[in-house]
Amino acid sequence: MDLADRAEVTDSAMTNLQSAEVPIADRSVTFETIRAASERLKDVAHHTPVLTCRTINDRTHSQVFFKCENFQRAGSFKFRGAYNALSQLSTAQRQQGVLTYSSGNHAQAIALAGQILGINTTIIMPQDAPAVKQMATRSYGAEVLLYDRSEIAREALSQEIAAQRGSTIIPPFDHPQVIAGQGTAAKELFESVGALDLLLVCCGGGGLLSGCAMAAHTLSPGCRVMGVEPAAGDDVTRSFQTKTIQTVHNPDTIADGARTSAPGQLTFPLILQYVSDMLTVTDDQLVRAMFFLWERLKIVVEPTGALATAALLAGLIDPCPPRIGVIVSGGNVDLRQLQLFERFAELPLEF
């Protein structure tokens, strides 16, 4: 990838705004909105399990708690935010339908939430989105429109189609009710295991990270929160370090759920306010972690879902504090495409 692409900053107006001073978090997202989302999701979303692994505890000399959102409805944490957002639409908005853009997990989540609530959904997906995610999205009753991500920006296409149809756009992460819904994953984790010293969270556009960090701030004030991105898609990490929103164009990583171009206008200030640090992992480290979770915890996890685990197992946390939470964000991997991981076949899987 061209270095200029990875260092590209968003348009000059945004750059000037962000560089003037640290942006202020939007007050529409608070812990009370997370608490309210938790009530809406009760008896609708799964209360996902928390797993432990003695091998990992021994190697890290810590107690590690894995919040397994791969067991969530539609296979990822995304259902939390999608249902929370759709359930608050007006009658008129429901009648006009919902539109979103997603490489897979948010697409499935919106489609399922729409099916439950009786709302028509349209999903704009890249042509190279995993086939298993495309099929699942259609199976929930959504209309799927494919596009070439190298030729057109999904946001622009979404705006055009939504204007034609009168649909409400529910973006994948930069939406207050989506963020609040994602924060319920950490809320459940703290309520299950108590206070933590560190919480590691997978990061794409920052919806899960910002929501979970806000929950940690209230429920476990001494807990440090770290976001983990793929090294090739380090837009949030560079934005965090420079305090300015920066972008990366179509990052080349197996973590397809983290191929976002930049943090959002809502998520970025929340990340700056509540997140302690950002980390990146290579695809090699990511695949090692994914296979480790498959083999040792006996759970199916997709590459993006293993980001937070990869940071822990790659030794990026040193020393490890006594109690660590890890968000496993999703499990929608296409097992028929395992040949994609052949280039990692010779990697040592031991840490």
Protein backbone atom coordinates (compact mmCIF):
# COMPACT_ATOMS: atom_id res chain seq x y z
CA MET A 1 0.00 0.00 0.00
CA ASP A 2 1.26 3.45 -0.92
CA LEU A 3 2.45 5.38 2.13
CA ALA A 4 0.60 8.44 0.89
CA ASP A 5 -2.67 6.51 1.00
CA ARG A 6 -2.10 5.46 4.59
CA ALA A 7 -1.13 8.96 5.69
CA GLU A 8 -3.99 10.65 3.87
CA VAL A 9 -5.95 13.08 6.02
CA THR A 10 -9.62 13.78 5.51
CA ASP A 11 -10.77 16.97 3.79
CA SER A 12 -9.16 20.23 4.89
CA ALA A 13 -12.20 21.49 6.77
CA MET A 14 -12.26 18.42 8.97
CA THR A 15 -8.50 18.53 9.45
CA ASN A 16 -8.58 22.15 10.58
CA LEU A 17 -11.46 21.44 12.93
CA GLN A 18 -9.76 18.47 14.55
CA SER A 19 -6.29 20.00 14.78
CA ALA A 20 -7.52 23.16 16.48
CA GLU A 21 -8.17 21.36 19.74
CA VAL A 22 -9.17 17.96 21.05
CA PRO A 23 -12.78 17.45 19.85
CA ILE A 24 -15.52 17.35 22.43
CA ALA A 25 -17.55 14.15 22.73
CA ASP A 26 -21.17 14.36 21.62
CA ARG A 27 -23.48 14.51 24.62
CA SER A 28 -26.06 12.34 22.85
CA VAL A 29 -23.96 9.32 23.83
CA THR A 30 -23.78 8.71 27.58
CA PHE A 31 -23.74 5.77 29.93
CA GLU A 32 -27.45 6.35 30.44
CA THR A 33 -28.04 5.67 26.75
CA ILE A 34 -26.07 2.43 27.16
CA ARG A 35 -28.20 1.50 30.16
CA ALA A 36 -31.37 2.26 28.17
CA ALA A 37 -30.08 0.16 25.26
CA SER A 38 -29.52 -2.71 27.65
CA GLU A 39 -33.19 -2.58 28.62
CA ARG A 40 -34.31 -2.57 24.98
CA LEU A 41 -32.09 -5.54 24.20
CA LYS A 42 -33.29 -7.59 27.15
CA ASP A 43 -34.94 -10.80 25.91
CA VAL A 44 -33.98 -9.89 22.33
CA ALA A 45 -30.19 -10.05 22.18
CA HIS A 46 -28.25 -12.98 23.61
CA HIS A 47 -26.47 -12.48 26.92
CA THR A 48 -23.24 -13.89 25.50
CA PRO A 49 -20.97 -16.15 27.56
CA VAL A 50 -17.68 -15.22 29.20
CA LEU A 51 -15.01 -17.89 28.75
CA THR A 52 -11.65 -18.41 30.40
CA CYS A 53 -8.59 -20.43 29.38
CA ARG A 54 -6.08 -21.80 31.88
CA THR A 55 -3.34 -21.90 29.24
CA ILE A 56 -3.73 -18.19 28.52
CA ASN A 57 -3.94 -17.37 32.23
CA ASP A 58 -0.72 -19.26 32.85
CA ARG A 59 1.12 -17.56 29.99
CA THR A 60 -0.02 -14.06 30.86
CA HIS A 61 0.06 -14.55 34.63
CA SER A 62 -3.36 -12.90 34.64
CA GLN A 63 -7.01 -13.78 34.84
CA VAL A 64 -8.34 -13.27 31.32
CA PHE A 65 -12.06 -13.10 30.56
CA PHE A 66 -13.24 -13.47 26.95
CA LYS A 67 -16.60 -11.85 26.21
CA CYS A 68 -17.74 -14.00 23.29
CA GLU A 69 -19.84 -11.91 20.94
CA ASN A 70 -19.35 -14.57 18.28
CA PHE A 71 -22.32 -16.19 20.05
CA GLN A 72 -24.48 -13.10 19.57
CA ARG A 73 -27.45 -13.14 17.20
CA ALA A 74 -26.28 -12.76 13.58
CA GLY A 75 -22.82 -13.81 14.77
CA SER A 76 -21.39 -10.57 16.13
CA PHE A 77 -21.77 -7.65 18.55
CA LYS A 78 -23.29 -5.63 15.70
CA PHE A 79 -26.78 -6.90 16.49
CA ARG A 80 -26.77 -4.87 19.70
CA GLY A 81 -26.37 -1.51 17.99
CA ALA A 82 -28.52 -2.38 15.01
CA TYR A 83 -31.54 -3.43 17.04
CA ASN A 84 -31.15 -0.54 19.47
CA ALA A 85 -31.15 1.96 16.59
CA LEU A 86 -33.99 0.42 14.56
CA SER A 87 -36.24 -0.04 17.58
CA GLN A 88 -36.31 3.73 18.12
CA LEU A 89 -37.38 4.74 14.62
CA SER A 90 -40.68 6.57 14.19
CA THR A 91 -43.64 4.92 12.47
CA ALA A 92 -42.99 6.99 9.35
CA GLN A 93 -39.32 6.01 9.28
CA ARG A 94 -40.20 2.34 9.67
CA GLN A 95 -42.59 2.53 6.75
CA GLN A 96 -39.92 4.11 4.52
CA GLY A 97 -37.38 1.44 5.37
CA VAL A 98 -33.73 1.46 6.41
CA LEU A 99 -30.54 1.50 4.37
CA THR A 100 -26.97 0.84 5.43
CA TYR A 101 -23.55 0.00 4.02
CA SER A 102 -21.41 -2.78 5.41
CA SER A 103 -18.90 -5.47 4.50
CA GLY A 104 -20.89 -8.02 6.45
CA ASN A 105 -21.56 -8.03 10.18
CA HIS A 106 -23.48 -4.76 10.41
CA ALA A 107 -25.31 -5.80 7.25
CA GLN A 108 -26.49 -9.02 8.85
CA ALA A 109 -27.36 -7.27 12.07
CA ILE A 110 -29.50 -4.60 10.36
CA ALA A 111 -31.20 -7.25 8.22
CA LEU A 112 -32.06 -9.39 11.25
CA ALA A 113 -33.19 -6.43 13.35
CA GLY A 114 -35.35 -5.31 10.46
CA GLN A 115 -36.86 -8.77 10.14
CA ILE A 116 -37.71 -8.84 13.86
CA LEU A 117 -39.22 -5.34 13.81
CA GLY A 118 -40.96 -5.62 10.44
CA ILE A 119 -38.82 -2.98 8.72
CA ASN A 120 -37.64 -3.33 5.12
CA THR A 121 -33.86 -3.15 4.87
CA THR A 122 -31.48 -2.44 1.99
CA ILE A 123 -27.80 -3.22 2.36
CA ILE A 124 -25.00 -1.86 0.18
CA MET A 125 -22.16 -4.40 0.30
CA PRO A 126 -18.80 -4.53 -1.50
CA GLN A 127 -18.51 -7.17 -4.19
CA ASP A 128 -15.64 -8.81 -2.32
CA ALA A 129 -17.55 -9.17 0.96
CA PRO A 130 -17.34 -12.77 2.25
CA ALA A 131 -19.95 -14.92 0.52
CA VAL A 132 -21.15 -16.32 3.84
CA LYS A 133 -21.99 -12.79 5.01
CA GLN A 134 -23.77 -11.92 1.78
CA MET A 135 -25.89 -15.08 1.96
CA ALA A 136 -26.73 -14.57 5.61
CA THR A 137 -27.78 -10.99 4.97
CA ARG A 138 -30.14 -12.07 2.20
CA SER A 139 -31.49 -14.90 4.35
CA TYR A 140 -32.74 -12.32 6.87
CA GLY A 141 -34.84 -10.75 4.12
CA ALA A 142 -32.67 -7.77 3.17
CA GLU A 143 -32.17 -6.45 -0.33
CA VAL A 144 -28.44 -6.57 -1.07
CA LEU A 145 -26.89 -4.15 -3.58
CA LEU A 146 -23.27 -4.91 -4.49
CA TYR A 147 -20.72 -2.25 -5.47
CA ASP A 148 -17.05 -2.03 -6.44
CA ARG A 149 -15.24 -0.37 -3.54
CA SER A 150 -12.39 0.67 -5.85
CA GLU A 151 -14.74 2.76 -8.00
CA ILE A 152 -17.20 4.43 -5.65
CA ALA A 153 -17.46 5.49 -2.02
CA ARG A 154 -20.14 3.55 -0.19
CA GLU A 155 -21.27 6.62 1.75
CA ALA A 156 -21.96 8.57 -1.44
CA LEU A 157 -23.83 5.66 -2.99
CA SER A 158 -25.88 5.24 0.18
CA GLN A 159 -26.85 8.91 0.25
CA GLU A 160 -27.96 8.74 -3.39
CA ILE A 161 -30.13 5.64 -2.94
CA ALA A 162 -31.56 6.78 0.40
CA ALA A 163 -32.60 10.10 -1.14
CA GLN A 164 -34.38 8.28 -3.96
CA ARG A 165 -36.26 5.96 -1.60
CA GLY A 166 -36.73 8.15 1.44
CA SER A 167 -34.92 5.55 3.57
CA THR A 168 -33.25 6.20 6.91
CA ILE A 169 -29.50 5.49 6.88
CA ILE A 170 -28.15 3.61 9.90
CA PRO A 171 -24.35 3.72 9.51
CA PRO A 172 -22.15 0.90 10.81
CA PHE A 173 -20.61 2.78 13.74
CA ASP A 174 -21.04 6.56 13.68
CA HIS A 175 -24.55 6.72 15.17
CA PRO A 176 -25.41 7.46 18.82
CA GLN A 177 -27.82 4.56 19.26
CA VAL A 178 -25.47 2.15 17.51
CA ILE A 179 -22.65 3.17 19.85
CA ALA A 180 -24.93 2.82 22.89
CA GLY A 181 -25.99 -0.64 21.81
CA GLN A 182 -22.40 -1.80 21.31
CA GLY A 183 -21.49 -0.53 24.78
CA THR A 184 -23.86 -3.08 26.30
CA ALA A 185 -21.31 -5.82 25.53
CA ALA A 186 -18.86 -4.33 28.04
CA LYS A 187 -21.68 -3.55 30.47
CA GLU A 188 -22.58 -7.24 30.54
CA LEU A 189 -18.93 -8.23 30.94
CA PHE A 190 -18.38 -6.01 33.99
CA GLU A 191 -21.66 -7.12 35.53
CA SER A 192 -20.58 -10.76 35.06
CA VAL A 193 -16.97 -10.66 36.27
CA GLY A 194 -16.61 -7.42 38.24
CA ALA A 195 -13.94 -4.77 37.92
CA LEU A 196 -11.05 -5.22 35.49
CA ASP A 197 -7.61 -3.68 35.17
CA LEU A 198 -7.57 -3.73 31.37
CA LEU A 199 -10.14 -4.16 28.60
CA LEU A 200 -8.98 -4.99 25.06
CA VAL A 201 -11.46 -4.19 22.30
CA CYS A 202 -11.42 -4.88 18.56
CA CYS A 203 -11.63 -1.69 16.50
CA GLY A 204 -12.85 -0.85 13.01
CA GLY A 205 -14.61 2.49 12.96
CA GLY A 206 -14.76 2.70 16.74
CA GLY A 207 -18.43 2.04 17.59
CA LEU A 208 -17.68 -0.97 19.77
CA LEU A 209 -14.55 0.61 21.23
CA SER A 210 -16.15 3.93 22.16
CA GLY A 211 -19.26 2.31 23.64
CA CYS A 212 -17.27 -0.22 25.65
CA ALA A 213 -14.82 2.43 26.86
CA MET A 214 -17.68 4.57 28.11
CA ALA A 215 -19.17 1.59 29.95
CA ALA A 216 -15.79 0.85 31.51
CA HIS A 217 -15.43 4.46 32.65
CA THR A 218 -18.63 4.14 34.69
CA LEU A 219 -18.59 0.50 35.83
CA SER A 220 -14.86 -0.02 36.39
CA PRO A 221 -13.23 3.44 36.71
CA GLY A 222 -9.72 2.07 37.22
CA CYS A 223 -9.85 -0.03 34.05
CA ARG A 224 -7.63 0.98 31.14
CA VAL A 225 -9.21 0.45 27.72
CA MET A 226 -7.12 -0.29 24.62
CA GLY A 227 -8.38 -0.60 21.06
CA VAL A 228 -6.77 -3.01 18.62
CA GLU A 229 -6.64 -2.53 14.84
CA PRO A 230 -5.00 -4.41 11.96
CA ALA A 231 -1.62 -2.87 11.16
CA ALA A 232 -2.65 -2.26 7.54
CA GLY A 233 -5.78 -0.41 8.65
CA ASP A 234 -4.40 1.78 11.39
CA ASP A 235 -6.52 4.89 10.78
CA VAL A 236 -7.88 5.05 14.34
CA THR A 237 -4.44 4.47 15.84
CA ARG A 238 -2.90 7.32 13.84
CA SER A 239 -5.91 9.52 14.57
CA PHE A 240 -5.55 8.76 18.28
CA GLN A 241 -1.84 9.57 18.25
CA THR A 242 -2.16 12.81 16.29
CA LYS A 243 -5.55 13.95 17.70
CA THR A 244 -6.68 14.51 14.09
CA ILE A 245 -8.92 12.26 12.00
CA GLN A 246 -6.82 10.40 9.46
CA THR A 247 -7.82 7.85 6.85
CA VAL A 248 -6.58 4.75 5.09
CA HIS A 249 -7.83 3.73 1.66
CA ASN A 250 -9.17 0.16 1.31
CA PRO A 251 -6.62 -1.47 3.67
CA ASP A 252 -5.23 -4.84 2.64
CA THR A 253 -5.96 -7.05 5.65
CA ILE A 254 -7.75 -10.32 6.32
CA ALA A 255 -9.70 -8.47 9.02
CA ASP A 256 -12.48 -7.55 6.60
CA GLY A 257 -14.65 -6.12 9.38
CA ALA A 258 -11.97 -3.53 10.17
CA ARG A 259 -11.47 -2.16 6.66
CA THR A 260 -12.98 1.16 7.63
CA SER A 261 -11.41 4.29 6.18
CA ALA A 262 -11.52 6.52 9.28
CA PRO A 263 -13.01 6.89 12.76
CA GLY A 264 -16.35 8.66 12.91
CA GLN A 265 -17.29 12.17 13.95
CA LEU A 266 -19.04 10.67 16.99
CA THR A 267 -16.69 7.79 17.80
CA PHE A 268 -13.42 9.73 17.52
CA PRO A 269 -14.00 12.22 20.36
CA LEU A 270 -15.29 9.41 22.58
CA ILE A 271 -12.17 7.38 21.87
CA LEU A 272 -9.94 10.34 22.73
CA GLN A 273 -11.85 10.87 25.97
CA TYR A 274 -12.21 7.31 27.24
CA VAL A 275 -9.56 5.11 25.57
CA SER A 276 -6.08 4.78 27.10
CA ASP A 277 -4.16 3.58 24.04
CA MET A 278 -4.40 2.03 20.59
CA LEU A 279 -2.48 -1.03 19.39
CA THR A 280 -2.04 -2.69 16.00
CA VAL A 281 -1.42 -6.32 15.07
CA THR A 282 -0.18 -7.88 11.85
CA ASP A 283 -2.19 -10.38 9.85
CA ASP A 284 0.29 -13.06 10.93
CA GLN A 285 -0.39 -12.30 14.59
CA LEU A 286 -4.10 -12.17 13.87
CA VAL A 287 -4.22 -15.61 12.27
CA ARG A 288 -2.18 -17.12 15.11
CA ALA A 289 -4.70 -15.76 17.58
CA MET A 290 -7.67 -16.93 15.53
CA PHE A 291 -6.35 -20.47 15.29
CA PHE A 292 -5.46 -20.42 18.98
CA LEU A 293 -9.06 -19.53 19.85
CA TRP A 294 -10.35 -22.23 17.53
CA GLU A 295 -8.08 -24.89 19.00
CA ARG A 296 -7.95 -23.98 22.69
CA LEU A 297 -11.29 -22.32 23.45
CA LYS A 298 -13.09 -24.44 20.83
CA ILE A 299 -14.93 -21.44 19.41
CA VAL A 300 -15.21 -20.21 15.82
CA VAL A 301 -13.90 -16.65 15.54
CA GLU A 302 -13.45 -14.54 12.41
CA PRO A 303 -10.22 -12.61 11.82
CA THR A 304 -11.64 -9.26 12.93
CA GLY A 305 -13.09 -10.92 16.01
CA ALA A 306 -9.62 -12.03 17.08
CA LEU A 307 -7.98 -8.59 16.99
CA ALA A 308 -8.08 -7.98 20.74
CA THR A 309 -6.93 -11.52 21.49
CA ALA A 310 -4.03 -11.12 19.06
CA ALA A 311 -2.67 -8.12 20.94
CA LEU A 312 -2.66 -10.09 24.18
CA LEU A 313 -1.10 -13.25 22.75
CA ALA A 314 1.50 -11.35 20.73
CA GLY A 315 2.95 -9.94 23.94
CA LEU A 316 1.95 -6.34 23.25
CA ILE A 317 0.72 -6.00 26.84
CA ASP A 318 3.79 -6.18 29.06
CA PRO A 319 3.49 -6.58 31.90
CA CYS A 320 -0.04 -7.91 31.96
CA PRO A 321 -2.20 -6.61 34.82
CA PRO A 322 -4.02 -9.07 37.12
CA ARG A 323 -7.47 -8.97 35.49
CA ILE A 324 -8.00 -8.54 31.75
CA GLY A 325 -11.17 -8.48 29.67
CA VAL A 326 -11.06 -9.30 25.95
CA ILE A 327 -13.94 -8.64 23.56
CA VAL A 328 -14.21 -11.37 20.92
CA SER A 329 -16.30 -9.39 18.47
CA GLY A 330 -17.61 -11.92 15.95
CA GLY A 331 -17.54 -15.39 14.43
CA ASN A 332 -18.75 -14.99 10.85
CA VAL A 333 -15.87 -16.71 9.09
CA ASP A 334 -16.49 -18.57 5.84
CA LEU A 335 -15.12 -22.01 6.64
CA ARG A 336 -15.27 -22.91 2.94
CA GLN A 337 -12.60 -20.28 2.32
CA LEU A 338 -9.97 -21.69 4.65
CA GLN A 339 -7.57 -21.87 1.70
CA LEU A 340 -7.26 -18.11 2.09
CA PHE A 341 -5.17 -18.82 5.17
CA GLU A 342 -2.77 -21.17 3.37
CA ARG A 343 -0.01 -18.57 3.37
CA PHE A 344 -0.06 -18.82 7.16
CA ALA A 345 0.21 -22.63 7.18
CA GLU A 346 3.85 -22.63 8.23
CA LEU A 347 3.40 -20.14 11.05
CA PRO A 348 4.10 -21.51 14.52
CA LEU A 349 0.80 -21.38 16.38
CA GLU A 350 2.37 -21.47 19.84
CA PHE A 351 2.83 -18.17 21.64
